[in-house]
Protein backbone atom coordinates (compact mmCIF):
# COMPACT_ATOMS: atom_id res chain seq x y z
CA MET A 1 -38.22 -15.45 5.10
CA ARG A 2 -38.36 -12.81 2.39
CA PHE A 3 -36.93 -10.23 4.78
CA PHE A 4 -34.04 -12.55 5.61
CA ILE A 5 -33.18 -13.04 1.90
CA VAL A 6 -33.30 -9.29 1.23
CA LEU A 7 -31.07 -8.67 4.28
CA VAL A 8 -28.53 -11.26 3.13
CA VAL A 9 -28.44 -9.81 -0.38
CA LEU A 10 -27.94 -6.30 1.01
CA LEU A 11 -25.13 -7.45 3.28
CA ILE A 12 -23.40 -9.21 0.37
CA ALA A 13 -23.77 -6.10 -1.79
CA LEU A 14 -22.41 -3.86 0.96
CA ASN A 15 -19.47 -6.20 1.55
CA LEU A 16 -18.71 -6.28 -2.19
CA LYS A 17 -18.81 -2.48 -2.36
CA ILE A 18 -16.41 -2.18 0.58
CA SER A 19 -14.09 -4.78 -0.96
CA LEU A 20 -13.99 -2.99 -4.28
CA ALA A 21 -13.30 0.34 -2.61
CA GLN A 22 -10.33 -1.13 -0.79
CA PHE A 23 -8.75 -2.09 -4.09
CA ASN A 24 -9.27 1.27 -5.81
CA ILE A 25 -5.60 1.80 -6.70
CA PRO A 26 -4.64 5.23 -8.07
CA GLN A 27 -3.37 5.02 -11.63
CA CYS A 28 0.09 6.33 -10.71
CA ILE A 29 0.45 3.61 -8.06
CA GLN A 30 -0.61 1.00 -10.60
CA LYS A 31 2.14 2.35 -12.89
CA LYS A 32 4.67 1.78 -10.09
CA ILE A 33 3.39 -1.79 -9.73
CA ASP A 34 3.70 -2.32 -13.47
CA SER A 35 7.26 -0.92 -13.41
CA ILE A 36 8.23 -3.25 -10.55
CA LEU A 37 6.73 -6.24 -12.40
CA ALA A 38 8.92 -5.40 -15.45
CA GLU A 39 12.02 -5.93 -13.26
CA PRO A 40 13.41 -9.08 -11.64
CA VAL A 41 11.90 -9.88 -8.23
CA TRP A 42 13.25 -7.61 -5.55
CA ASN A 43 14.94 -8.93 -2.44
CA PRO A 44 12.89 -8.66 -0.32
CA PRO A 45 9.87 -8.75 -2.65
CA ALA A 46 8.12 -5.41 -3.22
CA THR A 47 5.10 -4.37 -1.19
CA ILE A 48 2.77 -1.39 -1.32
CA ARG A 49 0.80 -0.63 1.84
CA LYS A 50 -2.00 1.89 2.24
CA TYR A 51 -2.14 4.15 5.28
CA SER A 52 -4.11 7.14 6.38
CA TYR A 53 -1.52 9.76 7.40
CA ASN A 54 -2.56 13.27 8.40
CA ASN A 55 -6.11 12.21 7.41
CA LYS A 56 -5.06 11.55 3.81
CA PRO A 57 -4.57 8.33 1.92
CA THR A 58 -0.91 7.44 1.46
CA TYR A 59 1.04 4.56 -0.02
CA LEU A 60 4.24 3.16 1.44
CA LEU A 61 6.46 1.44 -1.12
CA SER A 62 9.17 -0.90 0.02
CA SER A 63 12.66 -0.47 -1.33
CA ASN A 64 14.35 -3.04 -3.56
CA CYS A 65 17.26 -3.74 -1.29
CA CYS A 66 19.24 -2.89 1.77
CA ASP A 67 19.77 0.56 3.28
CA GLN A 68 17.39 2.32 0.90
CA PHE A 69 14.48 4.48 1.93
CA ASN A 70 10.91 3.15 1.90
CA ASP A 71 9.15 6.06 0.30
CA LEU A 72 5.66 7.29 1.19
CA TYR A 73 3.49 8.78 -1.59
CA ASP A 74 0.17 10.57 -1.72
CA LYS A 75 -2.62 9.48 -4.07
CA SER A 76 -1.05 11.48 -6.91
CA CYS A 77 2.35 9.83 -6.34
CA ASN A 78 3.96 12.92 -4.90
CA ARG A 79 6.70 11.75 -2.58
CA ILE A 80 5.97 12.85 1.01
CA CYS A 81 8.85 11.32 2.95
CA ALA A 82 10.55 8.11 3.85
CA PRO A 83 9.35 6.92 7.25
CA SER A 84 11.70 3.93 7.28
CA GLY A 85 14.75 2.48 5.61
CA GLY A 86 18.10 4.02 4.96
CA PHE A 87 21.32 3.30 6.82
CA THR A 88 19.69 3.85 10.23
CA GLY A 89 16.36 2.23 9.38
CA GLN A 90 14.69 5.40 10.62
CA GLY A 91 13.96 6.95 7.23
CA ASP A 92 14.81 10.46 6.11
CA GLY A 93 13.52 12.19 9.27
CA GLN A 94 10.80 14.09 7.42
CA CYS A 95 7.89 12.23 9.00
CA ARG A 96 9.13 10.94 12.31
CA ASP A 97 5.58 10.60 13.64
CA PHE A 98 4.41 8.31 10.81
CA TYR A 99 4.33 4.99 12.70
CA GLN A 100 2.80 6.63 15.79
CA THR A 101 0.03 8.51 13.96
CA ALA A 102 -0.65 6.75 10.65
CA LYS A 103 -3.43 4.20 10.44
CA PHE A 104 -2.66 1.02 8.45
CA LEU A 105 -5.46 0.38 5.97
CA GLY A 106 -4.13 -2.74 4.32
CA ASP A 107 -1.78 -4.20 1.76
CA VAL A 108 -2.44 -2.78 -1.68
CA TRP A 109 -0.07 -5.12 -3.44
CA VAL A 110 2.57 -7.70 -2.58
CA ASP A 111 4.84 -9.15 -5.29
CA LYS A 112 4.22 -12.88 -5.04
CA ARG A 113 6.48 -13.86 -7.88
CA SER A 114 9.10 -16.49 -7.06
CA ARG A 115 12.77 -15.54 -7.20
CA GLU A 116 13.56 -19.08 -8.35
CA LYS A 117 14.13 -19.67 -12.04
C-alpha cells in the first residue's frame, strides 16, 4: 500500500512538472500577449501556438485580420518567417516546409475575451 501511495505521488509530481514546463512562456511572448490584451478583441481572436521547427521552439502568432501574415517567432521573438496568411494564404514563402516539418506542441494562449459589449 505504501508503495502505491508513493507511486501515485510521484506520478502527480511528474505530471505537474510537465504541465508547468508546457506553460513556460518566454517573456517577449508574454509581452506580445499583454499588447494584444490592451487592444480590442481581434477578428478572429488572437492565438499563439508553440511548435518545434528545425528542432527549435517557435511561436506562431495569428494576425488580427484578413490577408495579413501569421508570423513565426523564435524564443527571443526574432521573426523567422510567415508560414501562412497573406493574400494567397501561403505566407511569405520563407518557410514553405513549416507545416510539413514542424511539430505542433500546443496552444500557448488563445484570446477568450468576448467581442460583444
